[in-house]
């Protein structure tokens, strides 16, 4: 099975004072022709936002944008009338469609906000903008692997306008999880915390892994692991 590792330290980096960020794929002032995305996946930014810092109101269109809150809190406002504050483990997904504006801030006065912001191309341009969320439950917090985003919203997942099935992986040291990648699909694994082996290949926090060979995958945690699995058509 062919697996391509994108090491954490090889990502793009920017330090704006209030924002320290790592770019898995080309973004803003960081350009690498070899890393422009993966299938419909276009952006994975790992952001650390200082207390009171944030992104003032700005526009988006024709992109599915979701944030995975690792620590701290995020205050979201958008032109659709949504106003939310999300906590660790929460996911917000905004379908920009034909056009939307939004802002995102760290509302804390003393705690950093740590999040992943991920962009996926929609299957259709010019869609009606929309907003959806996923929140962990006591049961899902016990699950090693849980569906958090899907095209049809099954199992209380957030809804995306793309053939993308996104899972949160949460493993204790020595714990295992599995995934079967179907023929013609690709899997991107983004490791948030900890270290683990994927079919024997070592991953460390911040690493990404691209897989486009069908077959069975086994994830074995070396220590406490938090990761996102993105199964893409």
Protein backbone atom coordinates (compact mmCIF):
# COMPACT_ATOMS: atom_id res chain seq x y z
CA UNK A 1 0.00 0.00 0.00
CA UNK A 2 1.44 3.36 -1.05
CA UNK A 3 1.49 5.95 1.75
CA UNK A 4 2.99 9.45 1.47
CA UNK A 5 3.98 11.17 4.72
CA UNK A 6 3.81 14.97 5.01
CA UNK A 7 5.99 15.71 8.04
CA UNK A 8 4.94 18.42 10.48
CA UNK A 9 8.24 20.29 10.26
CA UNK A 10 8.04 20.46 6.45
CA UNK A 11 4.81 22.47 6.48
CA UNK A 12 4.68 26.18 5.67
CA UNK A 13 4.85 28.52 8.66
CA UNK A 14 3.81 32.08 9.44
CA UNK A 15 4.05 34.13 12.64
CA UNK A 16 1.83 37.22 12.77
CA UNK A 17 2.20 37.78 16.49
CA UNK A 18 -1.43 37.17 17.37
CA UNK A 19 -1.48 34.17 14.99
CA UNK A 20 1.05 31.38 14.65
CA UNK A 21 0.10 28.98 11.88
CA UNK A 22 1.31 25.93 9.97
CA UNK A 23 0.13 25.26 6.40
CA UNK A 24 -0.02 21.67 5.14
CA UNK A 25 -0.82 22.94 1.63
CA UNK A 26 -0.01 26.18 -0.21
CA UNK A 27 -1.86 29.08 1.41
CA UNK A 28 -1.55 32.88 1.50
CA UNK A 29 2.18 33.74 1.33
CA UNK A 30 3.28 30.10 1.39
CA UNK A 31 3.53 28.38 -2.00
CA UNK A 32 4.78 24.89 -2.79
CA UNK A 33 3.78 23.50 -6.18
CA UNK A 34 4.17 19.96 -4.82
CA UNK A 35 1.62 20.61 -2.06
CA UNK A 36 -1.51 22.24 -3.51
CA UNK A 37 -4.06 19.94 -1.91
CA UNK A 38 -5.26 16.34 -1.98
CA UNK A 39 -8.29 15.43 -4.11
CA UNK A 40 -11.06 17.84 -3.01
CA UNK A 41 -9.06 18.81 0.10
CA UNK A 42 -7.48 22.24 -0.42
CA UNK A 43 -6.38 23.67 2.97
CA UNK A 44 -5.27 22.34 6.34
CA UNK A 45 -4.07 25.15 8.59
CA UNK A 46 -3.10 24.52 12.21
CA UNK A 47 -3.65 27.85 13.96
CA UNK A 48 -2.70 29.14 17.40
CA UNK A 49 -4.58 32.38 18.10
CA UNK A 50 -3.57 34.61 21.01
CA UNK A 51 -6.17 35.82 23.56
CA UNK A 52 -8.37 38.49 21.98
CA UNK A 53 -6.93 37.82 18.52
CA UNK A 54 -8.84 36.70 15.50
CA UNK A 55 -9.93 37.08 11.91
CA UNK A 56 -12.14 40.14 11.29
CA UNK A 57 -15.09 39.94 8.91
CA UNK A 58 -14.00 38.65 5.49
CA UNK A 59 -15.67 36.93 2.52
CA UNK A 60 -15.61 33.39 1.14
CA UNK A 61 -17.38 31.63 -1.70
CA UNK A 62 -17.56 28.15 -3.22
CA UNK A 63 -15.72 26.37 -0.41
CA UNK A 64 -16.70 24.03 2.44
CA UNK A 65 -14.82 25.38 5.49
CA UNK A 66 -14.70 23.61 8.81
CA UNK A 67 -12.89 24.27 12.07
CA UNK A 68 -11.92 21.60 14.58
CA UNK A 69 -11.35 23.11 18.02
CA UNK A 70 -8.37 21.52 19.78
CA UNK A 71 -8.15 23.77 22.86
CA UNK A 72 -9.55 27.11 23.98
CA UNK A 73 -12.70 28.55 22.38
CA UNK A 74 -13.72 30.25 19.14
CA UNK A 75 -16.40 32.90 18.67
CA UNK A 76 -17.97 32.68 15.21
CA UNK A 77 -20.22 35.28 13.53
CA UNK A 78 -21.45 35.22 9.95
CA UNK A 79 -23.74 37.00 7.48
CA UNK A 80 -26.30 34.17 7.76
CA UNK A 81 -27.07 35.31 11.31
CA UNK A 82 -25.15 32.58 13.12
CA UNK A 83 -23.38 33.49 16.34
CA UNK A 84 -21.66 30.64 18.17
CA UNK A 85 -18.95 29.95 20.68
CA UNK A 86 -17.39 26.52 20.28
CA UNK A 87 -15.24 24.50 22.68
CA UNK A 88 -12.63 21.72 22.34
CA UNK A 89 -13.82 18.78 20.26
CA UNK A 90 -16.55 20.85 18.57
CA UNK A 91 -16.69 21.22 14.80
CA UNK A 92 -18.29 24.05 12.84
CA UNK A 93 -18.81 23.70 9.10
CA UNK A 94 -19.71 26.66 6.89
CA UNK A 95 -20.74 26.15 3.29
CA UNK A 96 -19.73 29.43 1.65
CA UNK A 97 -21.59 28.67 -1.57
CA UNK A 98 -22.58 31.77 -3.56
CA UNK A 99 -20.95 34.00 -0.96
CA UNK A 100 -20.79 34.63 2.77
CA UNK A 101 -18.87 36.80 5.21
CA UNK A 102 -17.76 35.76 8.68
CA UNK A 103 -15.43 36.55 11.55
CA UNK A 104 -13.69 34.30 14.05
CA UNK A 105 -12.10 35.40 17.31
CA UNK A 106 -10.57 33.99 20.46
CA UNK A 107 -12.91 35.37 23.15
CA UNK A 108 -10.56 34.50 26.04
CA UNK A 109 -8.44 37.10 27.81
CA UNK A 110 -5.82 34.59 28.98
CA UNK A 111 -5.98 31.32 26.98
CA UNK A 112 -4.72 30.57 23.48
CA UNK A 113 -7.06 29.11 20.87
CA UNK A 114 -5.71 26.06 19.03
CA UNK A 115 -7.67 24.84 16.01
CA UNK A 116 -7.45 23.18 12.65
CA UNK A 117 -9.11 25.04 9.78
CA UNK A 118 -9.80 22.85 6.76
CA UNK A 119 -11.16 23.77 3.33
CA UNK A 120 -12.74 21.31 0.90
CA UNK A 121 -13.99 22.13 -2.59
CA UNK A 122 -17.77 21.56 -2.92
CA UNK A 123 -19.21 19.31 -5.61
CA UNK A 124 -21.18 22.25 -7.05
CA UNK A 125 -20.47 25.97 -7.34
CA UNK A 126 -22.98 28.66 -6.40
CA UNK A 127 -24.79 26.72 -3.67
CA UNK A 128 -26.96 28.45 -1.09
CA UNK A 129 -24.70 29.24 1.90
CA UNK A 130 -25.25 27.14 5.01
CA UNK A 131 -23.92 26.37 8.47
CA UNK A 132 -23.84 23.13 10.48
CA UNK A 133 -22.06 21.80 13.57
CA UNK A 134 -20.97 18.60 15.28
CA UNK A 135 -20.61 18.26 19.03
CA UNK A 136 -19.17 15.33 20.99
CA UNK A 137 -21.51 13.41 23.27
CA UNK A 138 -20.57 11.34 26.33
CA UNK A 139 -20.90 8.25 24.12
CA UNK A 140 -18.84 9.57 21.20
CA UNK A 141 -16.12 10.66 23.62
CA UNK A 142 -15.69 6.97 24.46
CA UNK A 143 -15.54 5.88 20.80
CA UNK A 144 -12.13 5.34 19.24
CA UNK A 145 -13.48 6.39 15.82
CA UNK A 146 -16.57 8.50 15.20
CA UNK A 147 -18.10 10.04 12.07
CA UNK A 148 -18.16 13.84 12.40
CA UNK A 149 -18.85 15.10 8.83
CA UNK A 150 -20.69 13.38 5.97
CA UNK A 151 -22.66 14.22 2.80
CA UNK A 152 -25.95 13.06 4.34
CA UNK A 153 -25.65 14.01 8.02
CA UNK A 154 -25.99 10.46 9.28
CA UNK A 155 -25.25 9.69 12.94
CA UNK A 156 -25.67 13.40 13.80
CA UNK A 157 -22.64 14.38 11.70
CA UNK A 158 -22.24 17.85 10.20
CA UNK A 159 -23.27 18.05 6.52
CA UNK A 160 -20.82 18.76 3.69
CA UNK A 161 -21.52 19.29 -0.01
CA UNK A 162 -18.88 16.85 -1.20
CA UNK A 163 -18.19 13.12 -1.27
CA UNK A 164 -16.19 13.43 1.95
CA UNK A 165 -16.52 11.27 5.05
CA UNK A 166 -14.57 12.65 7.99
CA UNK A 167 -13.88 10.80 11.21
CA UNK A 168 -12.34 11.81 14.51
CA UNK A 169 -9.92 9.29 15.93
CA UNK A 170 -9.25 9.29 19.68
CA UNK A 171 -7.06 6.51 21.06
CA UNK A 172 -5.35 5.75 24.35
CA UNK A 173 -1.83 4.31 24.38
CA UNK A 174 -1.89 0.82 22.85
CA UNK A 175 -5.45 1.19 21.56
CA UNK A 176 -6.26 0.34 17.94
CA UNK A 177 -8.74 1.44 15.27
CA UNK A 178 -9.28 0.39 11.68
CA UNK A 179 -10.53 1.83 8.39
CA UNK A 180 -11.20 0.25 5.03
CA UNK A 181 -10.36 2.42 2.02
CA UNK A 182 -12.44 1.52 -1.02
CA UNK A 183 -11.08 1.35 -4.56
CA UNK A 184 -10.94 4.76 -6.26
CA UNK A 185 -10.96 6.73 -3.00
CA UNK A 186 -8.23 8.56 -1.09
CA UNK A 187 -7.61 8.98 2.63
CA UNK A 188 -5.86 11.91 4.30
CA UNK A 189 -4.88 11.38 7.95
CA UNK A 190 -4.03 14.49 10.00
CA UNK A 191 -2.52 13.75 13.40
CA UNK A 192 -3.36 16.42 15.98
CA UNK A 193 -1.87 14.97 19.16
CA UNK A 194 0.32 12.02 20.10
CA UNK A 195 2.08 9.47 17.93
CA UNK A 196 0.80 6.35 16.20
CA UNK A 197 1.59 3.76 13.57
CA UNK A 198 -0.53 3.39 10.42
CA UNK A 199 0.09 -0.09 9.01
CA UNK A 200 3.48 0.15 10.69
CA UNK A 201 4.35 3.67 9.46
CA UNK A 202 5.17 6.07 12.31
CA UNK A 203 3.29 9.38 12.53
CA UNK A 204 3.94 12.21 14.97
CA UNK A 205 1.81 15.21 15.97
CA UNK A 206 1.30 17.60 13.06
CA UNK A 207 2.10 14.98 10.41
CA UNK A 208 -0.24 14.28 7.53
CA UNK A 209 -0.52 11.05 5.55
CA UNK A 210 -1.92 10.56 2.03
CA UNK A 211 -3.15 7.12 0.98
CA UNK A 212 -4.70 6.25 -2.39
CA UNK A 213 -4.35 2.47 -2.43
CA UNK A 214 -7.46 0.49 -1.45
CA UNK A 215 -7.28 -1.86 1.48
CA UNK A 216 -7.43 -2.23 5.24
CA UNK A 217 -5.71 0.25 7.54
CA UNK A 218 -4.83 -0.24 11.19
CA UNK A 219 -4.06 2.67 13.53
CA UNK A 220 -2.11 1.81 16.68
CA UNK A 221 -1.52 4.54 19.27
CA UNK A 222 1.92 4.83 20.84
CA UNK A 223 0.46 7.32 23.32
CA UNK A 224 -2.74 9.35 23.57
CA UNK A 225 -3.83 10.15 19.98
CA UNK A 226 -6.25 12.63 18.44
CA UNK A 227 -6.53 12.66 14.64
CA UNK A 228 -8.86 13.37 11.71
CA UNK A 229 -9.40 10.84 8.92
CA UNK A 230 -10.73 12.30 5.65
CA UNK A 231 -12.05 9.67 3.22
CA UNK A 232 -12.48 11.44 -0.13
CA UNK A 233 -14.04 10.43 -3.44
